[in-house]
Each structure stands twice: as C-alpha cells, then as structure tokens.
Amino acid sequence: MRVHINTLPWQTRLMGACLVAAVLPLQADELPPNLSDLTPSDIRQAAIALVNIAITPGVDGAQYNVGGPRRDADLSRSSLGFGAEFTLRDRLLDGYWGAEISAGDLDETLSFQGTDRPLELGLNRRIESLQGSAGLVFPIDRHFRLRPFFTGSFAKVEADTRIRNVAAAESPGEQPPQPSVSWTADAYLASGTLEAIYDRWFDHGRRLELEGAYTLTYTTIDSDNEVLRDSSGWHDTLVLRARWSAPTDGGTWEHPWRWNTYATYVLFPGQAKSALGFRHYLDLGVGISYGWNIKALDWFGVRSIGIKAGIIVGDDVDGYSIGVTFQ
C-alpha cells in the first residue's frame, strides 16, 4: 500500500525530501519531482544508502563533486585506519584485524516541485563512525591469498535542511523566511568482506599488487525522527585495485624510497545512480612510500608509510583523493 507523504508533518516531509530528492529520477526534459510523491519507504532507503556510502570498508578518503540535472553536490569522505595480518601458531592460515575511524560530509542543493511553486532544498549531512574488523587469511600459493573478515561499525549522523521558495525569492521585496529542520540518528552496521589478493615481485625490486574486495552490509538506523525509526536494509560494494611500484635511486637511514602508480575502481552494484548521483568511479594516481618493515609482537606490522594523490573520474562525478598510506 502506498502511503502519501502529505499525511506526515511538514517537518518530516521536508526532512524526507532532503534525503530522497535524489532517489526520484531526474531527467533534463522532465519537470522536477513533486515533494508530495515521497513515501516513508523512500525516506528509509535513502538514509541507509547515505550511511553506507560514507562507511563502507575498503573505500578510500576522497572529495567528490557531483553534477547533474537539478543537482549540485560536494561529498567528502576521510578516514584513518590500520589493518594487519598476524601469525596463528601451528596453523595453515593466519589471522587479520583492523580498526578505523571515518567521517563524511555532504553539501547539496536540489530542485523540487512544491504544491504550487518550485522549491530549492539545501542540505548538509555529517557522519562520524568507528569500526573494528577481524578475520582469517588463507594462503593459496606464494602469490595469492584470500582474506574473509567481519566488520562491526557504529555511526552518528547529523543533518540540517533548509527550503527556499524560488519564485518568491526571485520577485522584488523582502526575502521570505526559509523553513528548516534538523535531525540526528545512530546507525549500526554489520559487514562481511571477501578479499582476493595477488602480490608478486619482479626483477630490480619491482612489484605488482592486485586486489578485489566484495562487501555485503546490513544497516540499522535508530533516529529521533518518527519516519526513520527502526530503518534497516542491505547494501553491497565492489572495490578493484591495481598497484605497480619500484624503488627509487635514494634511501634514508638504509631504508628505501619507492614510487608507485595505482588505479582503484569502486562500484555500488545494488544502489540506484540517483541516490547520490553516481554508482561507480575510477581513482587514478601516484604516490611515494618509505620502507620500514616493522612487525611488533607479531600483531601488527608496517612495511611502509607514504603519501598518494589521485584524480577521480566517473559518470556525473569527478574529484580528487589525497592521503597517507600504510602497508
């Protein structure tokens, strides 16, 4: 049964519009979607998509610029994390653990059709999360291994929304009041990831690293807003990486410096493109790293630390990534 959003308070309709305006198809030759077409189900699914984009394991920090019909958005994701393999005594497999804190921010302006006038919706969404991972490592041969692991995450979500009457604002006279609404939510995520890793050294210290990771996540949201309360759903992510590195001519304290170039492809298979304006993108970049080769107490090891910078290209999305790398 389809529930009409107009049966909900205006604050809820406004909050819902800000969450799911992008979920409705936006074609250049069509009118903007109607505010009254939103349903509670639309609102819940859009909220889940937002949380998963910002927290999914394996997605690097970056700045995204999203453009399209009736949409202008800047999305950023940053994270600080560490993962390491450790030896299980007298076993044919190893263990894996990791931890990460991450943050996301979205500033977006969307065009909408109100009851009798066009509207602009401006919103800001902020997410902060903490997650921990644990799993196993199965060596297949000297170059190839499989790494399944489980991740539990907690996130705090805050959102501010404002609505603007386009027709009134463009007419002479005083700017009319802009209704606004704020809400918060707690999100709990349980993820299962399977990574396939290929690592091979060549002559003269050159190295090839290939990785594929598929993550399936179940998300539950507990909000102070009636519509979002007890929301839950599934989300999946595919990440493919390739990295080629080689030593430089110099070193520091008898440790080498290495240059590298990389390509990372990210796809959200089960998510509509309209949710955030894109479903996939390619990150291409270069970096330099300094070899440490430290492994303390067999529980965490650092082979190198470095920096990287890349550009992001995709369908209706572009941007850049700058970060610190640990291996």
C-alpha atoms as a PDB file:
ATOM      1  CA  MET A   1       0.000   0.000   0.000  1.00  0.00           C
ATOM      2  CA  ARG A   2       1.389   3.416  -0.957  1.00  0.00           C
ATOM      3  CA  VAL A   3       1.294   5.932   1.903  1.00  0.00           C
ATOM      4  CA  HIS A   4       1.039   9.568   0.836  1.00  0.00           C
ATOM      5  CA  ILE A   5       3.713  11.732   2.406  1.00  0.00           C
ATOM      6  CA  ASN A   6       1.256  14.576   2.909  1.00  0.00           C
ATOM      7  CA  THR A   7      -0.190  12.644   5.857  1.00  0.00           C
ATOM      8  CA  LEU A   8       3.070  13.408   7.702  1.00  0.00           C
ATOM      9  CA  PRO A   9       4.052  16.675   9.431  1.00  0.00           C
ATOM     10  CA  TRP A  10       5.690  19.333   7.211  1.00  0.00           C
ATOM     11  CA  GLN A  11       8.978  18.974   9.096  1.00  0.00           C
ATOM     12  CA  THR A  12       9.034  15.258   8.262  1.00  0.00           C
ATOM     13  CA  ARG A  13       8.169  15.913   4.627  1.00  0.00           C
ATOM     14  CA  LEU A  14      10.970  18.450   4.411  1.00  0.00           C
ATOM     15  CA  MET A  15      13.481  16.089   6.009  1.00  0.00           C
ATOM     16  CA  GLY A  16      12.333  13.316   3.709  1.00  0.00           C
ATOM     17  CA  ALA A  17      12.678  15.500   0.661  1.00  0.00           C
ATOM     18  CA  CYS A  18      16.255  16.252   1.565  1.00  0.00           C
ATOM     19  CA  LEU A  19      17.013  12.579   1.951  1.00  0.00           C
ATOM     20  CA  VAL A  20      15.304  11.245  -1.136  1.00  0.00           C
ATOM     21  CA  ALA A  21      15.050  14.022  -3.695  1.00  0.00           C
ATOM     22  CA  ALA A  22      17.878  12.306  -5.497  1.00  0.00           C
ATOM     23  CA  VAL A  23      16.172   8.908  -5.390  1.00  0.00           C
ATOM     24  CA  LEU A  24      13.490  10.093  -7.793  1.00  0.00           C
ATOM     25  CA  PRO A  25      14.544  10.030 -11.496  1.00  0.00           C
ATOM     26  CA  LEU A  26      15.711  13.411 -12.730  1.00  0.00           C
ATOM     27  CA  GLN A  27      15.775  13.805 -16.495  1.00  0.00           C
ATOM     28  CA  ALA A  28      16.729  17.046 -18.220  1.00  0.00           C
ATOM     29  CA  ASP A  29      13.479  17.100 -20.243  1.00  0.00           C
ATOM     30  CA  GLU A  30      11.162  16.451 -17.260  1.00  0.00           C
ATOM     31  CA  LEU A  31       9.680  18.652 -14.580  1.00  0.00           C
ATOM     32  CA  PRO A  32      11.299  18.480 -11.144  1.00  0.00           C
ATOM     33  CA  PRO A  33       9.872  15.663  -8.979  1.00  0.00           C
ATOM     34  CA  ASN A  34       6.982  16.570  -6.705  1.00  0.00           C
ATOM     35  CA  LEU A  35       7.559  16.913  -2.990  1.00  0.00           C
ATOM     36  CA  SER A  36       4.262  15.121  -2.363  1.00  0.00           C
ATOM     37  CA  ASP A  37       5.391  11.947  -4.180  1.00  0.00           C
ATOM     38  CA  LEU A  38       7.714  10.854  -1.365  1.00  0.00           C
ATOM     39  CA  THR A  39       6.846   7.883   0.842  1.00  0.00           C
ATOM     40  CA  PRO A  40       8.217   6.743   4.218  1.00  0.00           C
ATOM     41  CA  SER A  41       9.811   3.768   2.432  1.00  0.00           C
ATOM     42  CA  ASP A  42      11.701   6.151   0.097  1.00  0.00           C
ATOM     43  CA  ILE A  43      12.995   8.090   3.085  1.00  0.00           C
ATOM     44  CA  ARG A  44      14.263   4.999   4.891  1.00  0.00           C
ATOM     45  CA  GLN A  45      16.055   3.551   1.852  1.00  0.00           C
ATOM     46  CA  ALA A  46      17.765   6.854   1.041  1.00  0.00           C
ATOM     47  CA  ALA A  47      19.010   7.205   4.621  1.00  0.00           C
ATOM     48  CA  ILE A  48      20.523   3.704   4.503  1.00  0.00           C
ATOM     49  CA  ALA A  49      22.273   4.475   1.195  1.00  0.00           C
ATOM     50  CA  LEU A  50      23.755   7.659   2.645  1.00  0.00           C
ATOM     51  CA  VAL A  51      25.213   5.895   5.695  1.00  0.00           C
ATOM     52  CA  ASN A  52      26.682   3.022   3.692  1.00  0.00           C
ATOM     53  CA  ILE A  53      28.408   5.274   1.152  1.00  0.00           C
ATOM     54  CA  ALA A  54      30.275   7.061   3.941  1.00  0.00           C
ATOM     55  CA  ILE A  55      31.292   3.986   5.968  1.00  0.00           C
ATOM     56  CA  THR A  56      31.792   1.021   3.602  1.00  0.00           C
ATOM     57  CA  PRO A  57      35.103  -0.802   4.341  1.00  0.00           C
ATOM     58  CA  GLY A  58      37.726  -0.508   1.621  1.00  0.00           C
ATOM     59  CA  VAL A  59      36.596   2.841   0.182  1.00  0.00           C
ATOM     60  CA  ASP A  60      39.405   5.405   0.438  1.00  0.00           C
ATOM     61  CA  GLY A  61      39.022   9.007   1.536  1.00  0.00           C
ATOM     62  CA  ALA A  62      38.258  11.460  -1.270  1.00  0.00           C
ATOM     63  CA  GLN A  63      36.483  14.651  -2.338  1.00  0.00           C
ATOM     64  CA  TYR A  64      33.655  14.132  -4.852  1.00  0.00           C
ATOM     65  CA  ASN A  65      31.918  16.780  -6.964  1.00  0.00           C
ATOM     66  CA  VAL A  66      28.562  15.547  -8.267  1.00  0.00           C
ATOM     67  CA  GLY A  67      26.659  17.310 -11.021  1.00  0.00           C
ATOM     68  CA  GLY A  68      23.511  16.524 -12.939  1.00  0.00           C
ATOM     69  CA  PRO A  69      20.030  17.814 -13.792  1.00  0.00           C
ATOM     70  CA  ARG A  70      18.790  19.940 -10.862  1.00  0.00           C
ATOM     71  CA  ARG A  71      21.619  18.830  -8.560  1.00  0.00           C
ATOM     72  CA  ASP A  72      24.847  20.365  -7.240  1.00  0.00           C
ATOM     73  CA  ALA A  73      26.665  18.425  -4.531  1.00  0.00           C
ATOM     74  CA  ASP A  74      30.048  18.208  -2.808  1.00  0.00           C
ATOM     75  CA  LEU A  75      30.706  14.959  -0.935  1.00  0.00           C
ATOM     76  CA  SER A  76      33.806  14.242   1.131  1.00  0.00           C
ATOM     77  CA  ARG A  77      34.965  11.140   2.957  1.00  0.00           C
ATOM     78  CA  SER A  78      38.052  10.894   5.177  1.00  0.00           C
ATOM     79  CA  SER A  79      39.333   8.022   7.270  1.00  0.00           C
ATOM     80  CA  LEU A  80      42.206   6.900   9.454  1.00  0.00           C
ATOM     81  CA  GLY A  81      42.632   3.180   9.872  1.00  0.00           C
ATOM     82  CA  PHE A  82      45.015   0.296  10.217  1.00  0.00           C
ATOM     83  CA  GLY A  83      44.808  -3.402   9.325  1.00  0.00           C
ATOM     84  CA  ALA A  84      47.339  -6.167   9.829  1.00  0.00           C
ATOM     85  CA  GLU A  85      47.791  -9.893   9.387  1.00  0.00           C
ATOM     86  CA  PHE A  86      49.229 -11.939  12.244  1.00  0.00           C
ATOM     87  CA  THR A  87      50.539 -15.494  12.515  1.00  0.00           C
ATOM     88  CA  LEU A  88      48.478 -18.270  14.061  1.00  0.00           C
ATOM     89  CA  ARG A  89      50.899 -20.774  15.573  1.00  0.00           C
ATOM     90  CA  ASP A  90      50.781 -24.312  14.189  1.00  0.00           C
ATOM     91  CA  ARG A  91      48.058 -23.391  11.688  1.00  0.00           C
ATOM     92  CA  LEU A  92      47.963 -23.312   7.902  1.00  0.00           C
ATOM     93  CA  LEU A  93      46.235 -19.953   7.961  1.00  0.00           C
ATOM     94  CA  ASP A  94      46.809 -16.539   9.534  1.00  0.00           C
ATOM     95  CA  GLY A  95      44.592 -14.015  11.315  1.00  0.00           C
ATOM     96  CA  TYR A  96      43.579 -10.474  10.410  1.00  0.00           C
ATOM     97  CA  TRP A  97      42.404  -7.490  12.466  1.00  0.00           C
ATOM     98  CA  GLY A  98      41.761  -3.827  11.773  1.00  0.00           C
ATOM     99  CA  ALA A  99      40.270  -0.629  13.156  1.00  0.00           C
ATOM    100  CA  GLU A 100      39.176   2.642  11.538  1.00  0.00           C
ATOM    101  CA  ILE A 101      37.576   5.982  12.257  1.00  0.00           C
ATOM    102  CA  SER A 102      35.942   7.827   9.382  1.00  0.00           C
ATOM    103  CA  ALA A 103      33.914  10.937   8.659  1.00  0.00           C
ATOM    104  CA  GLY A 104      31.731  12.061   5.787  1.00  0.00           C
ATOM    105  CA  ASP A 105      30.124  15.370   4.804  1.00  0.00           C
ATOM    106  CA  LEU A 106      27.623  16.171   2.077  1.00  0.00           C
ATOM    107  CA  ASP A 107      26.550  19.676   0.972  1.00  0.00           C
ATOM    108  CA  GLU A 108      23.841  19.528  -1.671  1.00  0.00           C
ATOM    109  CA  THR A 109      21.278  21.712  -3.440  1.00  0.00           C
ATOM    110  CA  LEU A 110      18.324  20.042  -5.160  1.00  0.00           C
ATOM    111  CA  SER A 111      15.415  21.384  -7.220  1.00  0.00           C
ATOM    112  CA  PHE A 112      11.918  20.208  -6.298  1.00  0.00           C
ATOM    113  CA  GLN A 113       8.325  20.957  -7.189  1.00  0.00           C
ATOM    114  CA  GLY A 114       6.160  22.005  -4.244  1.00  0.00           C
ATOM    115  CA  THR A 115       2.371  22.085  -4.117  1.00  0.00           C
ATOM    116  CA  ASP A 116       2.110  25.212  -6.280  1.00  0.00           C
ATOM    117  CA  ARG A 117       5.668  26.528  -6.746  1.00  0.00           C
ATOM    118  CA  PRO A 118       9.247  25.381  -7.425  1.00  0.00           C
ATOM    119  CA  LEU A 119      11.472  24.842  -4.390  1.00  0.00           C
ATOM    120  CA  GLU A 120      15.189  24.556  -3.729  1.00  0.00           C
ATOM    121  CA  LEU A 121      16.358  22.253  -0.967  1.00  0.00           C
ATOM    122  CA  GLY A 122      19.746  22.863   0.628  1.00  0.00           C
ATOM    123  CA  LEU A 123      21.103  20.255   2.992  1.00  0.00           C
ATOM    124  CA  ASN A 124      24.206  19.358   4.932  1.00  0.00           C
ATOM    125  CA  ARG A 125      24.749  15.836   6.259  1.00  0.00           C
ATOM    126  CA  ARG A 126      27.586  14.809   8.567  1.00  0.00           C
ATOM    127  CA  ILE A 127      28.607  11.293   9.569  1.00  0.00           C
ATOM    128  CA  GLU A 128      31.245  10.132  12.059  1.00  0.00           C
ATOM    129  CA  SER A 129      31.938   6.445  12.591  1.00  0.00           C
ATOM    130  CA  LEU A 130      34.097   3.924  14.419  1.00  0.00           C
ATOM    131  CA  GLN A 131      34.616   0.361  13.207  1.00  0.00           C
ATOM    132  CA  GLY A 132      36.591  -2.768  14.023  1.00  0.00           C
ATOM    133  CA  SER A 133      37.366  -5.837  11.880  1.00  0.00           C
ATOM    134  CA  ALA A 134      38.503  -9.418  12.482  1.00  0.00           C
ATOM    135  CA  GLY A 135      39.023 -12.326  10.103  1.00  0.00           C
ATOM    136  CA  LEU A 136      41.277 -15.006   8.646  1.00  0.00           C
ATOM    137  CA  VAL A 137      43.841 -15.242   5.849  1.00  0.00           C
ATOM    138  CA  PHE A 138      44.028 -18.332   3.627  1.00  0.00           C
ATOM    139  CA  PRO A 139      47.299 -18.588   1.646  1.00  0.00           C
ATOM    140  CA  ILE A 140      46.579 -20.307  -1.682  1.00  0.00           C
ATOM    141  CA  ASP A 141      50.157 -20.135  -3.005  1.00  0.00           C
ATOM    142  CA  ARG A 142      53.169 -17.854  -2.643  1.00  0.00           C
ATOM    143  CA  HIS A 143      51.486 -15.052  -4.589  1.00  0.00           C
ATOM    144  CA  PHE A 144      47.768 -15.409  -3.919  1.00  0.00           C
ATOM    145  CA  ARG A 145      45.659 -15.382  -0.736  1.00  0.00           C
ATOM    146  CA  LEU A 146      42.028 -14.989   0.331  1.00  0.00           C
ATOM    147  CA  ARG A 147      41.022 -12.825   3.292  1.00  0.00           C
ATOM    148  CA  PRO A 148      37.439 -13.014   4.604  1.00  0.00           C
ATOM    149  CA  PHE A 149      36.665 -10.757   7.558  1.00  0.00           C
ATOM    150  CA  PHE A 150      33.770  -9.329   9.558  1.00  0.00           C
ATOM    151  CA  THR A 151      33.363  -5.617  10.414  1.00  0.00           C
ATOM    152  CA  GLY A 152      31.150  -4.010  13.033  1.00  0.00           C
ATOM    153  CA  SER A 153      30.523  -0.251  12.805  1.00  0.00           C
ATOM    154  CA  PHE A 154      28.758   2.485  14.743  1.00  0.00           C
ATOM    155  CA  ALA A 155      27.992   5.884  13.212  1.00  0.00           C
ATOM    156  CA  LYS A 156      26.479   9.160  14.367  1.00  0.00           C
ATOM    157  CA  VAL A 157      24.529  11.084  11.723  1.00  0.00           C
ATOM    158  CA  GLU A 158      23.522  14.755  11.873  1.00  0.00           C
ATOM    159  CA  ALA A 159      21.588  16.678   9.237  1.00  0.00           C
ATOM    160  CA  ASP A 160      20.437  20.260   8.691  1.00  0.00           C
ATOM    161  CA  THR A 161      17.936  21.154   5.982  1.00  0.00           C
ATOM    162  CA  ARG A 162      16.522  24.400   4.623  1.00  0.00           C
ATOM    163  CA  ILE A 163      13.877  25.071   1.997  1.00  0.00           C
ATOM    164  CA  ARG A 164      13.721  28.096  -0.347  1.00  0.00           C
ATOM    165  CA  ASN A 165      10.728  29.351  -2.318  1.00  0.00           C
ATOM    166  CA  VAL A 166      12.369  30.049  -5.685  1.00  0.00           C
ATOM    167  CA  ALA A 167       9.541  32.167  -7.130  1.00  0.00           C
ATOM    168  CA  ALA A 168       9.238  34.366  -4.034  1.00  0.00           C
ATOM    169  CA  ALA A 169      12.970  34.821  -3.730  1.00  0.00           C
ATOM    170  CA  GLU A 170      13.252  35.996  -7.341  1.00  0.00           C
ATOM    171  CA  SER A 171      10.472  38.577  -7.021  1.00  0.00           C
ATOM    172  CA  PRO A 172      11.117  42.089  -5.641  1.00  0.00           C
ATOM    173  CA  GLY A 173      10.733  42.642  -1.937  1.00  0.00           C
ATOM    174  CA  GLU A 174      11.973  41.103   1.263  1.00  0.00           C
ATOM    175  CA  GLN A 175      13.370  37.555   1.245  1.00  0.00           C
ATOM    176  CA  PRO A 176      10.716  35.260   2.818  1.00  0.00           C
ATOM    177  CA  PRO A 177      11.587  33.061   5.819  1.00  0.00           C
ATOM    178  CA  GLN A 178      13.321  29.766   4.982  1.00  0.00           C
ATOM    179  CA  PRO A 179      11.828  26.828   6.897  1.00  0.00           C
ATOM    180  CA  SER A 180      14.464  24.451   8.247  1.00  0.00           C
ATOM    181  CA  VAL A 181      14.653  21.204  10.177  1.00  0.00           C
ATOM    182  CA  SER A 182      17.444  19.247  11.901  1.00  0.00           C
ATOM    183  CA  TRP A 183      17.618  15.608  12.912  1.00  0.00           C
ATOM    184  CA  THR A 184      20.091  13.076  14.296  1.00  0.00           C
ATOM    185  CA  ALA A 185      20.406   9.297  14.069  1.00  0.00           C
ATOM    186  CA  ASP A 186      22.534   6.397  15.285  1.00  0.00           C
ATOM    187  CA  ALA A 187      23.493   3.754  12.721  1.00  0.00           C
ATOM    188  CA  TYR A 188      24.730   0.214  13.352  1.00  0.00           C
ATOM    189  CA  LEU A 189      26.375  -1.766  10.552  1.00  0.00           C
ATOM    190  CA  ALA A 190      27.463  -5.399  10.229  1.00  0.00           C
ATOM    191  CA  SER A 191      29.603  -6.148   7.155  1.00  0.00           C
ATOM    192  CA  GLY A 192      31.126  -9.258   5.637  1.00  0.00           C
ATOM    193  CA  THR A 193      34.019  -8.784   3.204  1.00  0.00           C
ATOM    194  CA  LEU A 194      35.876 -11.245   0.974  1.00  0.00           C
ATOM    195  CA  GLU A 195      39.208 -10.019  -0.405  1.00  0.00           C
ATOM    196  CA  ALA A 196      41.294 -11.756  -3.064  1.00  0.00           C
ATOM    197  CA  ILE A 197      44.914 -10.513  -3.038  1.00  0.00           C
ATOM    198  CA  TYR A 198      47.681 -11.161  -5.578  1.00  0.00           C
ATOM    199  CA  ASP A 199      51.202  -9.931  -4.767  1.00  0.00           C
ATOM    200  CA  ARG A 200      54.278 -10.558  -6.942  1.00  0.00           C
ATOM    201  CA  TRP A 201      57.844  -9.253  -7.028  1.00  0.00           C
ATOM    202  CA  PHE A 202      59.849  -8.893 -10.245  1.00  0.00           C
ATOM    203  CA  ASP A 203      63.456  -8.137 -11.106  1.00  0.00           C
ATOM    204  CA  HIS A 204      65.056  -4.902  -9.884  1.00  0.00           C
ATOM    205  CA  GLY A 205      62.654  -4.614  -6.937  1.00  0.00           C
ATOM    206  CA  ARG A 206      59.530  -4.002  -8.997  1.00  0.00           C
ATOM    207  CA  ARG A 207      56.236  -5.136  -7.518  1.00  0.00           C
ATOM    208  CA  LEU A 208      52.682  -5.784  -8.735  1.00  0.00           C
ATOM    209  CA  GLU A 209      49.699  -5.810  -6.329  1.00  0.00           C
ATOM    210  CA  LEU A 210      46.168  -6.723  -7.397  1.00  0.00           C
ATOM    211  CA  GLU A 211      43.152  -6.820  -5.097  1.00  0.00           C
ATOM    212  CA  GLY A 212      39.430  -7.413  -5.398  1.00  0.00           C
ATOM    213  CA  ALA A 213      37.036  -6.965  -2.454  1.00  0.00           C
ATOM    214  CA  TYR A 214      33.293  -7.545  -2.215  1.00  0.00           C
ATOM    215  CA  THR A 215      31.437  -6.268   0.873  1.00  0.00           C
ATOM    216  CA  LEU A 216      27.851  -7.012   1.895  1.00  0.00           C
ATOM    217  CA  THR A 217      26.459  -4.799   4.684  1.00  0.00           C
ATOM    218  CA  TYR A 218      23.322  -4.825   6.811  1.00  0.00           C
ATOM    219  CA  THR A 219      22.452  -1.407   8.256  1.00  0.00           C
ATOM    220  CA  THR A 220      20.077  -0.464  11.057  1.00  0.00           C
ATOM    221  CA  ILE A 221      19.209   3.186  11.800  1.00  0.00           C
ATOM    222  CA  ASP A 222      17.726   4.486  15.046  1.00  0.00           C
ATOM    223  CA  SER A 223      16.627   8.108  14.608  1.00  0.00           C
ATOM    224  CA  ASP A 224      14.910  10.778  16.660  1.00  0.00           C
ATOM    225  CA  ASN A 225      12.639  11.228  13.635  1.00  0.00           C
ATOM    226  CA  GLU A 226       9.497   9.072  13.540  1.00  0.00           C
ATOM    227  CA  VAL A 227       9.817   8.104   9.871  1.00  0.00           C
ATOM    228  CA  LEU A 228      13.425   6.875  10.131  1.00  0.00           C
ATOM    229  CA  ARG A 229      12.997   4.964  13.381  1.00  0.00           C
ATOM    230  CA  ASP A 230      13.810   1.241  13.048  1.00  0.00           C
ATOM    231  CA  SER A 231      15.004   1.545   9.424  1.00  0.00           C
ATOM    232  CA  SER A 232      17.124  -1.329   8.102  1.00  0.00           C
ATOM    233  CA  GLY A 233      18.399  -2.709   4.796  1.00  0.00           C
ATOM    234  CA  TRP A 234      21.217  -4.269   2.743  1.00  0.00           C
ATOM    235  CA  HIS A 235      23.974  -2.633   0.684  1.00  0.00           C
ATOM    236  CA  ASP A 236      26.914  -4.032  -1.317  1.00  0.00           C
ATOM    237  CA  THR A 237      30.202  -2.626  -2.627  1.00  0.00           C
ATOM    238  CA  LEU A 238      32.824  -3.892  -5.071  1.00  0.00           C
ATOM    239  CA  VAL A 239      36.377  -2.490  -4.993  1.00  0.00           C
ATOM    240  CA  LEU A 240      39.099  -3.433  -7.527  1.00  0.00           C
ATOM    241  CA  ARG A 241      42.685  -2.199  -7.113  1.00  0.00           C
ATOM    242  CA  ALA A 242      45.937  -2.433  -9.091  1.00  0.00           C
ATOM    243  CA  ARG A 243      49.267  -1.006  -7.926  1.00  0.00           C
ATOM    244  CA  TRP A 244      52.697  -1.029  -9.579  1.00  0.00           C
ATOM    245  CA  SER A 245      55.766   0.111  -7.625  1.00  0.00           C
ATOM    246  CA  ALA A 246      59.538   0.238  -7.990  1.00  0.00           C
ATOM    247  CA  PRO A 247      62.488   1.520  -5.930  1.00  0.00           C
ATOM    248  CA  THR A 248      63.984   4.969  -6.378  1.00  0.00           C
ATOM    249  CA  ASP A 249      67.719   5.636  -6.501  1.00  0.00           C
ATOM    250  CA  GLY A 250      67.787   7.061  -2.975  1.00  0.00           C
ATOM    251  CA  GLY A 251      67.154   5.963   0.610  1.00  0.00           C
ATOM    252  CA  THR A 252      67.143   7.286   4.162  1.00  0.00           C
ATOM    253  CA  TRP A 253      68.804   5.544   7.119  1.00  0.00           C
ATOM    254  CA  GLU A 254      69.351   2.492   4.954  1.00  0.00           C
ATOM    255  CA  HIS A 255      65.654   2.208   4.161  1.00  0.00           C
ATOM    256  CA  PRO A 256      64.478   2.625   0.534  1.00  0.00           C
ATOM    257  CA  TRP A 257      62.044   5.072  -1.013  1.00  0.00           C
ATOM    258  CA  ARG A 258      59.648   3.611  -3.613  1.00  0.00           C
ATOM    259  CA  TRP A 259      57.418   5.282  -6.188  1.00  0.00           C
ATOM    260  CA  ASN A 260      54.094   3.781  -7.251  1.00  0.00           C
ATOM    261  CA  THR A 261      51.146   4.285  -9.537  1.00  0.00           C
ATOM    262  CA  TYR A 262      47.682   2.892  -8.885  1.00  0.00           C
ATOM    263  CA  ALA A 263      44.131   2.511 -10.185  1.00  0.00           C
ATOM    264  CA  THR A 264      41.073   1.863  -7.984  1.00  0.00           C
ATOM    265  CA  TYR A 265      37.586   1.114  -9.306  1.00  0.00           C
ATOM    266  CA  VAL A 266      34.601   1.372  -6.918  1.00  0.00           C
ATOM    267  CA  LEU A 267      31.096   0.122  -7.759  1.00  0.00           C
ATOM    268  CA  PHE A 268      27.908   0.125  -5.649  1.00  0.00           C
ATOM    269  CA  PRO A 269      26.003  -2.647  -7.506  1.00  0.00           C
ATOM    270  CA  GLY A 270      22.679  -2.550  -5.679  1.00  0.00           C
ATOM    271  CA  GLN A 271      22.271   1.210  -5.423  1.00  0.00           C
ATOM    272  CA  ALA A 272      20.411   3.377  -7.918  1.00  0.00           C
ATOM    273  CA  LYS A 273      22.542   6.034  -9.557  1.00  0.00           C
ATOM    274  CA  SER A 274      20.034   8.676  -8.492  1.00  0.00           C
ATOM    275  CA  ALA A 275      20.721   8.049  -4.763  1.00  0.00           C
ATOM    276  CA  LEU A 276      23.845  10.232  -4.755  1.00  0.00           C
ATOM    277  CA  GLY A 277      24.265  10.975  -8.447  1.00  0.00           C
ATOM    278  CA  PHE A 278      26.681   8.121  -9.284  1.00  0.00           C
ATOM    279  CA  ARG A 279      27.119   4.361  -8.885  1.00  0.00           C
ATOM    280  CA  HIS A 280      30.785   3.945  -9.751  1.00  0.00           C
ATOM    281  CA  TYR A 281      34.034   5.842 -10.256  1.00  0.00           C
ATOM    282  CA  LEU A 282      37.717   5.360 -11.066  1.00  0.00           C
ATOM    283  CA  ASP A 283      40.548   6.761  -8.921  1.00  0.00           C
ATOM    284  CA  LEU A 284      43.904   7.124 -10.759  1.00  0.00           C
ATOM    285  CA  GLY A 285      47.019   8.385  -9.011  1.00  0.00           C
ATOM    286  CA  VAL A 286      50.654   8.203  -7.966  1.00  0.00           C
ATOM    287  CA  GLY A 287      52.482   8.023  -4.665  1.00  0.00           C
ATOM    288  CA  ILE A 288      55.773   7.574  -2.869  1.00  0.00           C
ATOM    289  CA  SER A 289      56.484   5.447   0.200  1.00  0.00           C
ATOM    290  CA  TYR A 290      59.253   4.828   2.714  1.00  0.00           C
ATOM    291  CA  GLY A 291      60.043   1.248   3.744  1.00  0.00           C
ATOM    292  CA  TRP A 292      60.043   0.422   7.479  1.00  0.00           C
ATOM    293  CA  ASN A 293      59.477  -3.342   7.721  1.00  0.00           C
ATOM    294  CA  ILE A 294      58.450  -3.285  11.395  1.00  0.00           C
ATOM    295  CA  LYS A 295      56.418  -6.106  12.960  1.00  0.00           C
ATOM    296  CA  ALA A 296      55.889  -5.649  16.688  1.00  0.00           C
ATOM    297  CA  LEU A 297      54.779  -8.664  18.749  1.00  0.00           C
ATOM    298  CA  ASP A 298      53.527 -10.343  15.547  1.00  0.00           C
ATOM    299  CA  TRP A 299      50.197  -8.498  15.909  1.00  0.00           C
ATOM    300  CA  PHE A 300      50.744  -5.525  13.656  1.00  0.00           C
ATOM    301  CA  GLY A 301      53.343  -4.745  11.059  1.00  0.00           C
ATOM    302  CA  VAL A 302      54.247  -1.735   8.956  1.00  0.00           C
ATOM    303  CA  ARG A 303      56.108  -2.414   5.745  1.00  0.00           C
ATOM    304  CA  SER A 304      55.949   1.170   4.540  1.00  0.00           C
ATOM    305  CA  ILE A 305      54.368   4.565   5.046  1.00  0.00           C
ATOM    306  CA  GLY A 306      53.772   7.050   2.249  1.00  0.00           C
ATOM    307  CA  ILE A 307      51.573   9.628   0.561  1.00  0.00           C
ATOM    308  CA  LYS A 308      49.399   9.426  -2.536  1.00  0.00           C
ATOM    309  CA  ALA A 309      47.376  11.755  -4.748  1.00  0.00           C
ATOM    310  CA  GLY A 310      44.891  10.935  -7.454  1.00  0.00           C
ATOM    311  CA  ILE A 311      42.037  12.162  -9.613  1.00  0.00           C
ATOM    312  CA  ILE A 312      38.511  10.724  -9.638  1.00  0.00           C
ATOM    313  CA  VAL A 313      36.529  10.305 -12.853  1.00  0.00           C
ATOM    314  CA  GLY A 314      33.098   8.790 -13.395  1.00  0.00           C
ATOM    315  CA  ASP A 315      29.584   9.305 -14.708  1.00  0.00           C
ATOM    316  CA  ASP A 316      28.460  12.742 -13.395  1.00  0.00           C
ATOM    317  CA  VAL A 317      31.177  12.691 -10.712  1.00  0.00           C
ATOM    318  CA  ASP A 318      34.740  13.952 -10.519  1.00  0.00           C
ATOM    319  CA  GLY A 319      37.118  14.865  -7.736  1.00  0.00           C
ATOM    320  CA  TYR A 320      40.432  14.039  -6.151  1.00  0.00           C
ATOM    321  CA  SER A 321      41.993  11.955  -3.401  1.00  0.00           C
ATOM    322  CA  ILE A 322      44.954  12.843  -1.201  1.00  0.00           C
ATOM    323  CA  GLY A 323      46.033  10.646   1.670  1.00  0.00           C
ATOM    324  CA  VAL A 324      48.599   8.861   3.783  1.00  0.00           C
ATOM    325  CA  THR A 325      49.127   5.161   3.066  1.00  0.00           C
ATOM    326  CA  PHE A 326      50.183   2.355   5.416  1.00  0.00           C
ATOM    327  CA  GLN A 327      51.176  -1.143   4.309  1.00  0.00           C
END
